[in-house]
Amino acid sequence: MEELGSSILKYHDIIKEILYVAVAFIVVWYFYLRAGSSYSMMSRLWGILIGSKGFKNNEISELMQEREDIDKFNFIFNVKATSIEQIKRLQKRVKKQNLDIKLISRSKGHFYINTCKLKVPKEKQIFGTLLLSAVLFFCTLPVLQLAIKPAAMFEFNDSSTWFWVNNQYAEKYIPPIPIVSSFFDYWRFDNDTCTSKNFSVEKLSATTKLTNKEITAICELFKGGKTPYVIEKAITGQKVAYFLSLFPLFFSLICFRGFIYMLYTYDLRYALLKKKGKIKPRHKTKYVGS
């Protein structure tokens, strides 16, 4: 009998350490992408390790303060400014056209601050991003199921059937993915099934595709009433799947976030065209009374 949890548990500590480092790297990477550079982070890191954050030279201090202001502006407003002049030019345009700067922030990656122009993504690109987000999300579901399920996942060598088992029940493993799950035949049995007067190993074997010997072994497990050590060990090992699910879930959210940003570009495009007078309201509102 082969179980999935023990192989995971064998490398439990190593996997956790790798995942902690990876999560820390992702956080730093996110700040870097959002701010546009690592100058601010390096300055703070230097201050923590060396103990001196600022510069004694006034001209260099002004340059560093300008760079930190740019990074802070990029991080807050979600743009990719490289100079104070670009920020001032954007500020003038926002005031002149009375634009909501939130629309510019939400259109990240499609609004070019150096030219103050918007590039609306194509429908294929929008649909592809949404599809990738959905695929990554549904790939996360089986991993989360492995971590949440209070049962161990096993496979008998003879029948080659994956199933969940604990001291209360055994049931067929079915991936929690829409459409895919409909191709699996679900079965479940417990101690009441094994002790029933009408119980037949042969009938249950035909339903579950487990061998008679395997069904008898599972029924003996139910009679004990306590969870065997091998199952407890397997369930503990499966908890590592919480960490493993972080990566596909994280990238799924990133893709979905990008999809939302693409939709916001249409709001910004509409606002820009409306300010230029290229889009006029279809219906004029008439007010009655004085």
Foldseek 3Di string as FASTA:
>chain_A
DDFDLVVLLVCVVVLVVVLVVVVVVVVLVVLCLQLVHCLVVVLVVCCVPVVDRADPDPVVRVVSVQSVVSSVCSNVLVENDDGVVLVVVVVVVCVVLVHDSNLVSLLHPQQHSVVRDGDQDDPVVLVVLLVLLVVLVLVLQQLVCLQPDPFTWDADPPQRFTWTAWLFKIKGDARPHPPRSVVDQIDMDGLCQVPPPPRDLVVVCVRRVDDSVVVVVRNVSNVVVHTDPVTVSSNVSSNSSVSVSCVSNVVSVVSVSNSSSSVSSVVVVVSVCVSVVVDDDPDDDDDDDD
